[in-house]
Amino acid sequence: DRVVIAVSSTMEATGWEQPLPKRLGDDLPECRPEGYRVFVDVQRSGPPVVWALGADPRGTLYAVGALLRNLNWAAGRVAIAASLDIASAPRYPIRGHQLGYRALANSYDAWTPEQFDQYIRELAVFGVNSIENIPFQDASRNPLMKFSRREMNRRMSEICARYDMDYWVFAPADFDLNNTALRDEMLEQLEQLFRDCPRMDAVFFPGGDPGDNPPELALPYMADIAERLLPLHPDARIWLSLLGFDKAQVDYVFAYLEAEAPDWFGGLVADTSGPPILETRKRLPARYRLRLYPDITHNKLSQFE
């Protein structure tokens, strides 16, 4: 009739009168980054204890999510199987979802920050650890949008900070980077965004869709973004997709990365139309990461329907 639920963000639980049951091995799922274990401990005096244990704060959040999904709810009661014992760790380090507060969305353009908070929180308890916002593209507004883009950009960063989720921004240059005035204007907008946001982990610059700038212009522009980003968010990095680049331009990018090895560069984003993923990983210097960017949400011509 009575069950204790204990949540801990480390494998060494504290503040409990009896020690946590041990499992042997350093490579257990609950010991890996963002891993967790949820189990029912009945081998003790007193009421059973349901443990939700994380290897780190993110793992603890995922443990709570797993616990909620394994509870059997009914009117006036809740139950959990005494045999429950699950452990999991993510296979991929980046597990994200793009949410852009803009008129084109046909859904969350009408949302409030509280609705974004709920949606992002629910993504988190299912294991998502990254949110990518579209802060500037599609500047048009509609009557459904209750807040300014600037306000929602900041609020989404605050939400990600609250749940320890990485905050990405999708920041294309849908203009000719030879246009100095437009280039400077966008850099100023980005710096204002970086100052507004308490959390910023990555800026994604797409090579195309939108944008049609060669890497000879795109890479120096990304370096200028980094000059404005890193003093405010030292751990953040700039990412690039090869979408729209021809073979010579792709070769230029890889040659640049080999020769310059910029510290501000985080990695490549492999999307729907770039070079093959295995080839990209093979050519990309090992110090840089590769993010898969599958298209799963278009009603027509979706990469994964």
C-alpha atoms as a PDB file:
ATOM      1  CA  ASP A   1       0.000   0.000   0.000  1.00  0.00           C
ATOM      2  CA  ARG A   2       2.956   2.327   0.407  1.00  0.00           C
ATOM      3  CA  VAL A   3       5.952   2.769  -1.887  1.00  0.00           C
ATOM      4  CA  VAL A   4       8.871   5.164  -1.559  1.00  0.00           C
ATOM      5  CA  ILE A   5      10.194   6.772  -4.749  1.00  0.00           C
ATOM      6  CA  ALA A   6      13.857   7.805  -4.527  1.00  0.00           C
ATOM      7  CA  VAL A   7      15.516   9.924  -7.223  1.00  0.00           C
ATOM      8  CA  SER A   8      19.266  10.489  -7.391  1.00  0.00           C
ATOM      9  CA  SER A   9      21.564  12.143  -9.905  1.00  0.00           C
ATOM     10  CA  THR A  10      24.516   9.937  -8.988  1.00  0.00           C
ATOM     11  CA  MET A  11      24.996   6.212  -8.632  1.00  0.00           C
ATOM     12  CA  GLU A  12      25.955   6.769  -5.005  1.00  0.00           C
ATOM     13  CA  ALA A  13      22.663   7.708  -3.386  1.00  0.00           C
ATOM     14  CA  THR A  14      22.891   9.712  -0.178  1.00  0.00           C
ATOM     15  CA  GLY A  15      20.485  10.563   2.597  1.00  0.00           C
ATOM     16  CA  TRP A  16      18.963   7.074   2.722  1.00  0.00           C
ATOM     17  CA  GLU A  17      19.124   4.846   5.765  1.00  0.00           C
ATOM     18  CA  GLN A  18      20.087   1.740   3.756  1.00  0.00           C
ATOM     19  CA  PRO A  19      22.690   1.492   0.986  1.00  0.00           C
ATOM     20  CA  LEU A  20      21.696   1.325  -2.628  1.00  0.00           C
ATOM     21  CA  PRO A  21      21.936  -2.232  -4.047  1.00  0.00           C
ATOM     22  CA  LYS A  22      25.103  -2.520  -6.087  1.00  0.00           C
ATOM     23  CA  ARG A  23      25.681  -3.907  -9.544  1.00  0.00           C
ATOM     24  CA  LEU A  24      29.109  -4.913 -10.784  1.00  0.00           C
ATOM     25  CA  GLY A  25      30.773  -3.440 -13.834  1.00  0.00           C
ATOM     26  CA  ASP A  26      31.918  -0.022 -14.987  1.00  0.00           C
ATOM     27  CA  ASP A  27      30.187  -0.222 -18.371  1.00  0.00           C
ATOM     28  CA  LEU A  28      26.651  -0.579 -17.100  1.00  0.00           C
ATOM     29  CA  PRO A  29      24.137   1.638 -18.936  1.00  0.00           C
ATOM     30  CA  GLU A  30      23.450   3.628 -15.790  1.00  0.00           C
ATOM     31  CA  CYS A  31      27.148   4.478 -15.497  1.00  0.00           C
ATOM     32  CA  ARG A  32      27.520   5.903 -19.015  1.00  0.00           C
ATOM     33  CA  PRO A  33      26.895   9.565 -19.891  1.00  0.00           C
ATOM     34  CA  GLU A  34      23.163  10.379 -19.732  1.00  0.00           C
ATOM     35  CA  GLY A  35      22.402   6.783 -18.739  1.00  0.00           C
ATOM     36  CA  TYR A  36      19.928   5.695 -16.094  1.00  0.00           C
ATOM     37  CA  ARG A  37      18.415   2.775 -14.214  1.00  0.00           C
ATOM     38  CA  VAL A  38      14.893   2.434 -12.835  1.00  0.00           C
ATOM     39  CA  PHE A  39      14.066  -0.548 -10.626  1.00  0.00           C
ATOM     40  CA  VAL A  40      11.965  -1.662  -7.698  1.00  0.00           C
ATOM     41  CA  ASP A  41      13.882  -2.746  -4.602  1.00  0.00           C
ATOM     42  CA  VAL A  42      11.854  -5.080  -2.407  1.00  0.00           C
ATOM     43  CA  GLN A  43      14.819  -6.691  -0.634  1.00  0.00           C
ATOM     44  CA  ARG A  44      14.713  -4.520   2.460  1.00  0.00           C
ATOM     45  CA  SER A  45      12.634  -3.955   5.555  1.00  0.00           C
ATOM     46  CA  GLY A  46       9.877  -1.416   5.261  1.00  0.00           C
ATOM     47  CA  PRO A  47       8.077  -0.389   2.098  1.00  0.00           C
ATOM     48  CA  PRO A  48       9.500  -1.171  -1.367  1.00  0.00           C
ATOM     49  CA  VAL A  49      11.633   1.559  -2.887  1.00  0.00           C
ATOM     50  CA  VAL A  50      11.396   2.568  -6.539  1.00  0.00           C
ATOM     51  CA  TRP A  51      14.782   3.900  -7.560  1.00  0.00           C
ATOM     52  CA  ALA A  52      15.196   6.345 -10.446  1.00  0.00           C
ATOM     53  CA  LEU A  53      18.948   6.757 -10.826  1.00  0.00           C
ATOM     54  CA  GLY A  54      20.919   8.789 -13.342  1.00  0.00           C
ATOM     55  CA  ALA A  55      24.607   8.805 -14.149  1.00  0.00           C
ATOM     56  CA  ASP A  56      24.333  12.600 -14.297  1.00  0.00           C
ATOM     57  CA  PRO A  57      21.564  15.222 -14.135  1.00  0.00           C
ATOM     58  CA  ARG A  58      20.375  14.470 -17.672  1.00  0.00           C
ATOM     59  CA  GLY A  59      20.317  10.758 -16.952  1.00  0.00           C
ATOM     60  CA  THR A  60      18.219  11.448 -13.877  1.00  0.00           C
ATOM     61  CA  LEU A  61      15.680  13.349 -15.951  1.00  0.00           C
ATOM     62  CA  TYR A  62      15.477  10.433 -18.389  1.00  0.00           C
ATOM     63  CA  ALA A  63      15.104   8.039 -15.447  1.00  0.00           C
ATOM     64  CA  VAL A  64      12.100   9.998 -14.209  1.00  0.00           C
ATOM     65  CA  GLY A  65      10.666   9.894 -17.716  1.00  0.00           C
ATOM     66  CA  ALA A  66      11.073   6.120 -17.853  1.00  0.00           C
ATOM     67  CA  LEU A  67       9.447   5.810 -14.442  1.00  0.00           C
ATOM     68  CA  LEU A  68       6.422   7.841 -15.547  1.00  0.00           C
ATOM     69  CA  ARG A  69       6.025   5.724 -18.684  1.00  0.00           C
ATOM     70  CA  ASN A  70       6.098   2.493 -16.671  1.00  0.00           C
ATOM     71  CA  LEU A  71       3.507   3.503 -14.098  1.00  0.00           C
ATOM     72  CA  ASN A  72       0.020   2.050 -14.507  1.00  0.00           C
ATOM     73  CA  TRP A  73      -2.427   4.848 -13.880  1.00  0.00           C
ATOM     74  CA  ALA A  74      -6.133   4.546 -13.100  1.00  0.00           C
ATOM     75  CA  ALA A  75      -8.716   6.668 -11.349  1.00  0.00           C
ATOM     76  CA  GLY A  76      -7.561   7.056  -7.761  1.00  0.00           C
ATOM     77  CA  ARG A  77      -4.638   4.638  -7.973  1.00  0.00           C
ATOM     78  CA  VAL A  78      -1.207   4.090  -9.443  1.00  0.00           C
ATOM     79  CA  ALA A  79       0.793   0.863  -9.610  1.00  0.00           C
ATOM     80  CA  ILE A  80       4.161  -0.348 -10.806  1.00  0.00           C
ATOM     81  CA  ALA A  81       5.406  -3.875 -11.448  1.00  0.00           C
ATOM     82  CA  ALA A  82       7.576  -5.221  -8.644  1.00  0.00           C
ATOM     83  CA  SER A  83       9.771  -6.851 -11.304  1.00  0.00           C
ATOM     84  CA  LEU A  84      10.595  -3.554 -13.019  1.00  0.00           C
ATOM     85  CA  ASP A  85      14.330  -3.190 -13.656  1.00  0.00           C
ATOM     86  CA  ILE A  86      15.397  -1.248 -16.746  1.00  0.00           C
ATOM     87  CA  ALA A  87      18.673   0.401 -17.605  1.00  0.00           C
ATOM     88  CA  SER A  88      19.506   2.422 -20.677  1.00  0.00           C
ATOM     89  CA  ALA A  89      22.120   4.749 -22.133  1.00  0.00           C
ATOM     90  CA  PRO A  90      21.876   6.720 -25.375  1.00  0.00           C
ATOM     91  CA  ARG A  91      23.586   5.416 -28.492  1.00  0.00           C
ATOM     92  CA  TYR A  92      24.007   8.892 -30.001  1.00  0.00           C
ATOM     93  CA  PRO A  93      25.257  11.993 -28.176  1.00  0.00           C
ATOM     94  CA  ILE A  94      23.006  14.450 -30.067  1.00  0.00           C
ATOM     95  CA  ARG A  95      19.266  13.764 -29.977  1.00  0.00           C
ATOM     96  CA  GLY A  96      17.391  16.869 -30.952  1.00  0.00           C
ATOM     97  CA  HIS A  97      14.318  18.435 -32.453  1.00  0.00           C
ATOM     98  CA  GLN A  98      13.947  21.669 -34.428  1.00  0.00           C
ATOM     99  CA  LEU A  99      11.297  24.093 -33.195  1.00  0.00           C
ATOM    100  CA  GLY A 100      11.056  27.444 -34.940  1.00  0.00           C
ATOM    101  CA  TYR A 101       8.748  30.135 -33.588  1.00  0.00           C
ATOM    102  CA  ARG A 102       7.689  31.583 -36.926  1.00  0.00           C
ATOM    103  CA  ALA A 103       4.619  32.082 -39.080  1.00  0.00           C
ATOM    104  CA  LEU A 104       5.489  29.118 -41.294  1.00  0.00           C
ATOM    105  CA  ALA A 105       5.043  26.553 -38.526  1.00  0.00           C
ATOM    106  CA  ASN A 106       1.222  26.214 -38.637  1.00  0.00           C
ATOM    107  CA  SER A 107       1.263  25.061 -35.007  1.00  0.00           C
ATOM    108  CA  TYR A 108       3.600  26.515 -32.397  1.00  0.00           C
ATOM    109  CA  ASP A 109       3.413  30.009 -33.856  1.00  0.00           C
ATOM    110  CA  ALA A 110       0.365  30.278 -31.582  1.00  0.00           C
ATOM    111  CA  TRP A 111       2.107  28.910 -28.490  1.00  0.00           C
ATOM    112  CA  THR A 112       3.016  30.735 -25.303  1.00  0.00           C
ATOM    113  CA  PRO A 113       6.335  30.228 -23.487  1.00  0.00           C
ATOM    114  CA  GLU A 114       4.475  27.964 -21.059  1.00  0.00           C
ATOM    115  CA  GLN A 115       3.380  25.718 -23.932  1.00  0.00           C
ATOM    116  CA  PHE A 116       6.923  25.601 -25.282  1.00  0.00           C
ATOM    117  CA  ASP A 117       8.099  24.708 -21.777  1.00  0.00           C
ATOM    118  CA  GLN A 118       5.659  21.800 -21.567  1.00  0.00           C
ATOM    119  CA  TYR A 119       6.483  20.520 -25.045  1.00  0.00           C
ATOM    120  CA  ILE A 120      10.249  20.725 -24.532  1.00  0.00           C
ATOM    121  CA  ARG A 121       9.946  19.134 -21.088  1.00  0.00           C
ATOM    122  CA  GLU A 122       7.990  16.227 -22.563  1.00  0.00           C
ATOM    123  CA  LEU A 123      10.625  15.799 -25.271  1.00  0.00           C
ATOM    124  CA  ALA A 124      13.236  15.737 -22.508  1.00  0.00           C
ATOM    125  CA  VAL A 125      11.607  12.950 -20.519  1.00  0.00           C
ATOM    126  CA  PHE A 126      11.638  10.839 -23.699  1.00  0.00           C
ATOM    127  CA  GLY A 127      15.393  11.342 -24.094  1.00  0.00           C
ATOM    128  CA  VAL A 128      15.851  14.444 -26.251  1.00  0.00           C
ATOM    129  CA  ASN A 129      18.836  16.566 -25.231  1.00  0.00           C
ATOM    130  CA  SER A 130      18.916  19.316 -27.897  1.00  0.00           C
ATOM    131  CA  ILE A 131      16.504  21.930 -29.205  1.00  0.00           C
ATOM    132  CA  GLU A 132      17.226  23.891 -32.381  1.00  0.00           C
ATOM    133  CA  ASN A 133      15.480  27.221 -32.803  1.00  0.00           C
ATOM    134  CA  ILE A 134      15.087  29.284 -36.000  1.00  0.00           C
ATOM    135  CA  PRO A 135      15.531  32.795 -34.614  1.00  0.00           C
ATOM    136  CA  PHE A 136      15.497  35.079 -37.670  1.00  0.00           C
ATOM    137  CA  GLN A 137      14.439  33.362 -40.888  1.00  0.00           C
ATOM    138  CA  ASP A 138      10.913  34.130 -42.177  1.00  0.00           C
ATOM    139  CA  ALA A 139      10.518  37.517 -40.511  1.00  0.00           C
ATOM    140  CA  SER A 140       6.812  37.759 -41.377  1.00  0.00           C
ATOM    141  CA  ARG A 141       4.330  37.676 -38.498  1.00  0.00           C
ATOM    142  CA  ASN A 142       0.762  36.490 -38.214  1.00  0.00           C
ATOM    143  CA  PRO A 143      -2.049  37.277 -35.746  1.00  0.00           C
ATOM    144  CA  LEU A 144      -1.460  34.014 -33.875  1.00  0.00           C
ATOM    145  CA  MET A 145       1.978  35.055 -32.648  1.00  0.00           C
ATOM    146  CA  LYS A 146       1.506  36.496 -29.166  1.00  0.00           C
ATOM    147  CA  PHE A 147       5.164  37.320 -28.551  1.00  0.00           C
ATOM    148  CA  SER A 148       8.015  38.866 -30.487  1.00  0.00           C
ATOM    149  CA  ARG A 149      10.599  36.626 -32.087  1.00  0.00           C
ATOM    150  CA  ARG A 150      13.280  38.148 -29.863  1.00  0.00           C
ATOM    151  CA  GLU A 151      11.314  37.400 -26.696  1.00  0.00           C
ATOM    152  CA  MET A 152      10.604  33.797 -27.684  1.00  0.00           C
ATOM    153  CA  ASN A 153      14.218  33.219 -28.754  1.00  0.00           C
ATOM    154  CA  ARG A 154      15.296  34.193 -25.250  1.00  0.00           C
ATOM    155  CA  ARG A 155      12.562  32.203 -23.538  1.00  0.00           C
ATOM    156  CA  MET A 156      13.443  29.048 -25.461  1.00  0.00           C
ATOM    157  CA  SER A 157      17.049  29.438 -24.319  1.00  0.00           C
ATOM    158  CA  GLU A 158      15.855  29.792 -20.726  1.00  0.00           C
ATOM    159  CA  ILE A 159      13.754  26.637 -21.056  1.00  0.00           C
ATOM    160  CA  CYS A 160      16.723  24.687 -22.392  1.00  0.00           C
ATOM    161  CA  ALA A 161      18.854  25.961 -19.527  1.00  0.00           C
ATOM    162  CA  ARG A 162      16.173  24.861 -17.056  1.00  0.00           C
ATOM    163  CA  TYR A 163      16.195  21.263 -18.315  1.00  0.00           C
ATOM    164  CA  ASP A 164      19.920  21.142 -19.180  1.00  0.00           C
ATOM    165  CA  MET A 165      19.236  20.755 -22.888  1.00  0.00           C
ATOM    166  CA  ASP A 166      21.580  22.022 -25.587  1.00  0.00           C
ATOM    167  CA  TYR A 167      20.262  25.130 -27.343  1.00  0.00           C
ATOM    168  CA  TRP A 168      21.037  25.338 -31.050  1.00  0.00           C
ATOM    169  CA  VAL A 169      20.116  28.086 -33.488  1.00  0.00           C
ATOM    170  CA  PHE A 170      19.654  27.655 -37.240  1.00  0.00           C
ATOM    171  CA  ALA A 171      21.244  30.761 -38.741  1.00  0.00           C
ATOM    172  CA  PRO A 172      21.442  30.782 -42.555  1.00  0.00           C
ATOM    173  CA  ALA A 173      22.663  33.640 -44.700  1.00  0.00           C
ATOM    174  CA  ASP A 174      19.873  33.904 -47.257  1.00  0.00           C
ATOM    175  CA  PHE A 175      21.603  36.884 -48.880  1.00  0.00           C
ATOM    176  CA  ASP A 176      24.848  37.446 -50.774  1.00  0.00           C
ATOM    177  CA  LEU A 177      27.677  37.575 -48.249  1.00  0.00           C
ATOM    178  CA  ASN A 178      29.447  40.024 -50.570  1.00  0.00           C
ATOM    179  CA  ASN A 179      26.825  42.535 -49.430  1.00  0.00           C
ATOM    180  CA  THR A 180      28.745  44.122 -46.562  1.00  0.00           C
ATOM    181  CA  ALA A 181      25.759  46.008 -45.167  1.00  0.00           C
ATOM    182  CA  LEU A 182      23.532  42.928 -44.910  1.00  0.00           C
ATOM    183  CA  ARG A 183      26.431  40.867 -43.573  1.00  0.00           C
ATOM    184  CA  ASP A 184      27.131  43.371 -40.802  1.00  0.00           C
ATOM    185  CA  GLU A 185      23.437  43.669 -39.981  1.00  0.00           C
ATOM    186  CA  MET A 186      23.066  39.905 -39.520  1.00  0.00           C
ATOM    187  CA  LEU A 187      26.206  39.743 -37.378  1.00  0.00           C
ATOM    188  CA  GLU A 188      24.737  42.439 -35.141  1.00  0.00           C
ATOM    189  CA  GLN A 189      21.453  40.510 -34.856  1.00  0.00           C
ATOM    190  CA  LEU A 190      23.347  37.360 -33.929  1.00  0.00           C
ATOM    191  CA  GLU A 191      25.401  39.145 -31.282  1.00  0.00           C
ATOM    192  CA  GLN A 192      22.217  40.561 -29.766  1.00  0.00           C
ATOM    193  CA  LEU A 193      20.782  37.029 -29.695  1.00  0.00           C
ATOM    194  CA  PHE A 194      23.912  35.709 -27.986  1.00  0.00           C
ATOM    195  CA  ARG A 195      23.633  38.446 -25.351  1.00  0.00           C
ATOM    196  CA  ASP A 196      19.930  37.811 -24.793  1.00  0.00           C
ATOM    197  CA  CYS A 197      20.240  34.063 -24.259  1.00  0.00           C
ATOM    198  CA  PRO A 198      21.471  32.529 -21.007  1.00  0.00           C
ATOM    199  CA  ARG A 199      22.326  29.313 -22.836  1.00  0.00           C
ATOM    200  CA  MET A 200      23.792  28.871 -26.309  1.00  0.00           C
ATOM    201  CA  ASP A 201      25.558  25.682 -27.376  1.00  0.00           C
ATOM    202  CA  ALA A 202      25.718  25.717 -31.163  1.00  0.00           C
ATOM    203  CA  VAL A 203      25.079  27.864 -34.221  1.00  0.00           C
ATOM    204  CA  PHE A 204      24.224  25.887 -37.349  1.00  0.00           C
ATOM    205  CA  PHE A 205      25.052  27.589 -40.657  1.00  0.00           C
ATOM    206  CA  PRO A 206      23.490  25.681 -43.589  1.00  0.00           C
ATOM    207  CA  GLY A 207      25.399  25.729 -46.860  1.00  0.00           C
ATOM    208  CA  GLY A 208      22.075  25.889 -48.691  1.00  0.00           C
ATOM    209  CA  ASP A 209      18.297  25.795 -48.302  1.00  0.00           C
ATOM    210  CA  PRO A 210      18.347  28.677 -47.709  1.00  0.00           C
ATOM    211  CA  GLY A 211      21.484  30.403 -48.872  1.00  0.00           C
ATOM    212  CA  ASP A 212      23.705  30.221 -51.919  1.00  0.00           C
ATOM    213  CA  ASN A 213      27.130  31.343 -50.760  1.00  0.00           C
ATOM    214  CA  PRO A 214      30.349  29.500 -51.630  1.00  0.00           C
ATOM    215  CA  PRO A 215      32.523  28.241 -48.760  1.00  0.00           C
ATOM    216  CA  GLU A 216      35.109  30.931 -49.603  1.00  0.00           C
ATOM    217  CA  LEU A 217      32.564  33.426 -48.223  1.00  0.00           C
ATOM    218  CA  ALA A 218      30.761  31.193 -45.733  1.00  0.00           C
ATOM    219  CA  LEU A 219      33.776  30.127 -43.671  1.00  0.00           C
ATOM    220  CA  PRO A 220      35.112  33.656 -42.972  1.00  0.00           C
ATOM    221  CA  TYR A 221      31.556  34.676 -42.069  1.00  0.00           C
ATOM    222  CA  MET A 222      31.346  31.777 -39.614  1.00  0.00           C
ATOM    223  CA  ALA A 223      34.640  32.879 -38.102  1.00  0.00           C
ATOM    224  CA  ASP A 224      33.161  36.349 -37.595  1.00  0.00           C
ATOM    225  CA  ILE A 225      30.138  34.788 -35.882  1.00  0.00           C
ATOM    226  CA  ALA A 226      32.515  32.946 -33.573  1.00  0.00           C
ATOM    227  CA  GLU A 227      34.224  36.220 -32.583  1.00  0.00           C
ATOM    228  CA  ARG A 228      30.870  37.437 -31.279  1.00  0.00           C
ATOM    229  CA  LEU A 229      29.736  34.113 -29.824  1.00  0.00           C
ATOM    230  CA  LEU A 230      32.682  32.765 -27.860  1.00  0.00           C
ATOM    231  CA  PRO A 231      33.242  35.712 -25.473  1.00  0.00           C
ATOM    232  CA  LEU A 232      29.648  35.244 -24.294  1.00  0.00           C
ATOM    233  CA  HIS A 233      29.344  31.445 -24.593  1.00  0.00           C
ATOM    234  CA  PRO A 234      32.884  30.002 -24.544  1.00  0.00           C
ATOM    235  CA  ASP A 235      31.830  26.376 -24.987  1.00  0.00           C
ATOM    236  CA  ALA A 236      29.572  27.004 -27.982  1.00  0.00           C
ATOM    237  CA  ARG A 237      30.666  26.067 -31.511  1.00  0.00           C
ATOM    238  CA  ILE A 238      29.719  26.830 -35.128  1.00  0.00           C
ATOM    239  CA  TRP A 239      28.491  24.007 -37.378  1.00  0.00           C
ATOM    240  CA  LEU A 240      28.165  23.771 -41.159  1.00  0.00           C
ATOM    241  CA  SER A 241      26.198  21.658 -43.622  1.00  0.00           C
ATOM    242  CA  LEU A 242      27.489  20.915 -47.124  1.00  0.00           C
ATOM    243  CA  LEU A 243      24.031  21.224 -48.644  1.00  0.00           C
ATOM    244  CA  GLY A 244      24.193  22.890 -52.053  1.00  0.00           C
ATOM    245  CA  PHE A 245      27.995  22.665 -52.412  1.00  0.00           C
ATOM    246  CA  ASP A 246      29.429  21.041 -55.525  1.00  0.00           C
ATOM    247  CA  LYS A 247      32.422  18.679 -55.414  1.00  0.00           C
ATOM    248  CA  ALA A 248      35.002  21.452 -55.676  1.00  0.00           C
ATOM    249  CA  GLN A 249      33.335  23.383 -52.858  1.00  0.00           C
ATOM    250  CA  VAL A 250      33.125  20.283 -50.662  1.00  0.00           C
ATOM    251  CA  ASP A 251      36.831  19.671 -51.269  1.00  0.00           C
ATOM    252  CA  TYR A 252      37.513  23.301 -50.329  1.00  0.00           C
ATOM    253  CA  VAL A 253      35.775  22.832 -46.961  1.00  0.00           C
ATOM    254  CA  PHE A 254      37.752  19.712 -46.081  1.00  0.00           C
ATOM    255  CA  ALA A 255      41.035  21.311 -47.166  1.00  0.00           C
ATOM    256  CA  TYR A 256      40.245  24.361 -45.009  1.00  0.00           C
ATOM    257  CA  LEU A 257      39.521  22.225 -41.967  1.00  0.00           C
ATOM    258  CA  GLU A 258      42.757  20.267 -42.418  1.00  0.00           C
ATOM    259  CA  ALA A 259      44.886  23.373 -42.923  1.00  0.00           C
ATOM    260  CA  GLU A 260      43.300  25.812 -40.470  1.00  0.00           C
ATOM    261  CA  ALA A 261      41.832  23.457 -37.800  1.00  0.00           C
ATOM    262  CA  PRO A 262      39.686  26.261 -36.321  1.00  0.00           C
ATOM    263  CA  ASP A 263      38.834  25.861 -32.643  1.00  0.00           C
ATOM    264  CA  TRP A 264      35.471  27.573 -33.150  1.00  0.00           C
ATOM    265  CA  PHE A 265      34.289  24.852 -35.539  1.00  0.00           C
ATOM    266  CA  GLY A 266      32.099  22.149 -33.991  1.00  0.00           C
ATOM    267  CA  GLY A 267      31.450  19.825 -36.904  1.00  0.00           C
ATOM    268  CA  LEU A 268      29.417  19.094 -40.001  1.00  0.00           C
ATOM    269  CA  VAL A 269      25.689  18.535 -40.246  1.00  0.00           C
ATOM    270  CA  ALA A 270      24.805  15.720 -42.671  1.00  0.00           C
ATOM    271  CA  ASP A 271      21.403  16.522 -44.109  1.00  0.00           C
ATOM    272  CA  THR A 272      19.245  15.298 -46.952  1.00  0.00           C
ATOM    273  CA  SER A 273      21.295  16.353 -49.980  1.00  0.00           C
ATOM    274  CA  GLY A 274      24.936  16.457 -48.934  1.00  0.00           C
ATOM    275  CA  PRO A 275      27.695  13.897 -49.581  1.00  0.00           C
ATOM    276  CA  PRO A 276      27.191  10.341 -48.242  1.00  0.00           C
ATOM    277  CA  ILE A 277      27.430  10.150 -44.475  1.00  0.00           C
ATOM    278  CA  LEU A 278      30.193   7.511 -44.328  1.00  0.00           C
ATOM    279  CA  GLU A 279      32.327   9.431 -46.807  1.00  0.00           C
ATOM    280  CA  THR A 280      31.795  12.627 -44.831  1.00  0.00           C
ATOM    281  CA  ARG A 281      32.852  11.021 -41.568  1.00  0.00           C
ATOM    282  CA  LYS A 282      35.938   9.508 -43.189  1.00  0.00           C
ATOM    283  CA  ARG A 283      37.096  12.860 -44.587  1.00  0.00           C
ATOM    284  CA  LEU A 284      36.188  14.934 -41.538  1.00  0.00           C
ATOM    285  CA  PRO A 285      39.101  15.373 -39.086  1.00  0.00           C
ATOM    286  CA  ALA A 286      38.553  13.239 -35.998  1.00  0.00           C
ATOM    287  CA  ARG A 287      38.462  16.267 -33.678  1.00  0.00           C
ATOM    288  CA  TYR A 288      35.195  17.415 -35.267  1.00  0.00           C
ATOM    289  CA  ARG A 289      31.783  15.838 -34.834  1.00  0.00           C
ATOM    290  CA  LEU A 290      29.156  14.785 -37.365  1.00  0.00           C
ATOM    291  CA  ARG A 291      25.483  15.448 -36.718  1.00  0.00           C
ATOM    292  CA  LEU A 292      22.820  13.580 -38.646  1.00  0.00           C
ATOM    293  CA  TYR A 293      19.960  15.825 -39.733  1.00  0.00           C
ATOM    294  CA  PRO A 294      17.127  13.643 -41.063  1.00  0.00           C
ATOM    295  CA  ASP A 295      13.995  15.176 -42.533  1.00  0.00           C
ATOM    296  CA  ILE A 296      11.040  13.389 -40.932  1.00  0.00           C
ATOM    297  CA  THR A 297       8.298  15.995 -40.913  1.00  0.00           C
ATOM    298  CA  HIS A 298       7.551  17.227 -44.410  1.00  0.00           C
ATOM    299  CA  ASN A 299       4.239  16.013 -45.822  1.00  0.00           C
ATOM    300  CA  LYS A 300       5.804  15.686 -49.276  1.00  0.00           C
ATOM    301  CA  LEU A 301       9.264  14.421 -50.221  1.00  0.00           C
ATOM    302  CA  SER A 302      10.149  13.501 -46.646  1.00  0.00           C
ATOM    303  CA  GLN A 303      13.467  11.697 -46.249  1.00  0.00           C
ATOM    304  CA  PHE A 304      11.942   9.332 -43.662  1.00  0.00           C
ATOM    305  CA  GLU A 305       8.184   9.160 -44.076  1.00  0.00           C
END
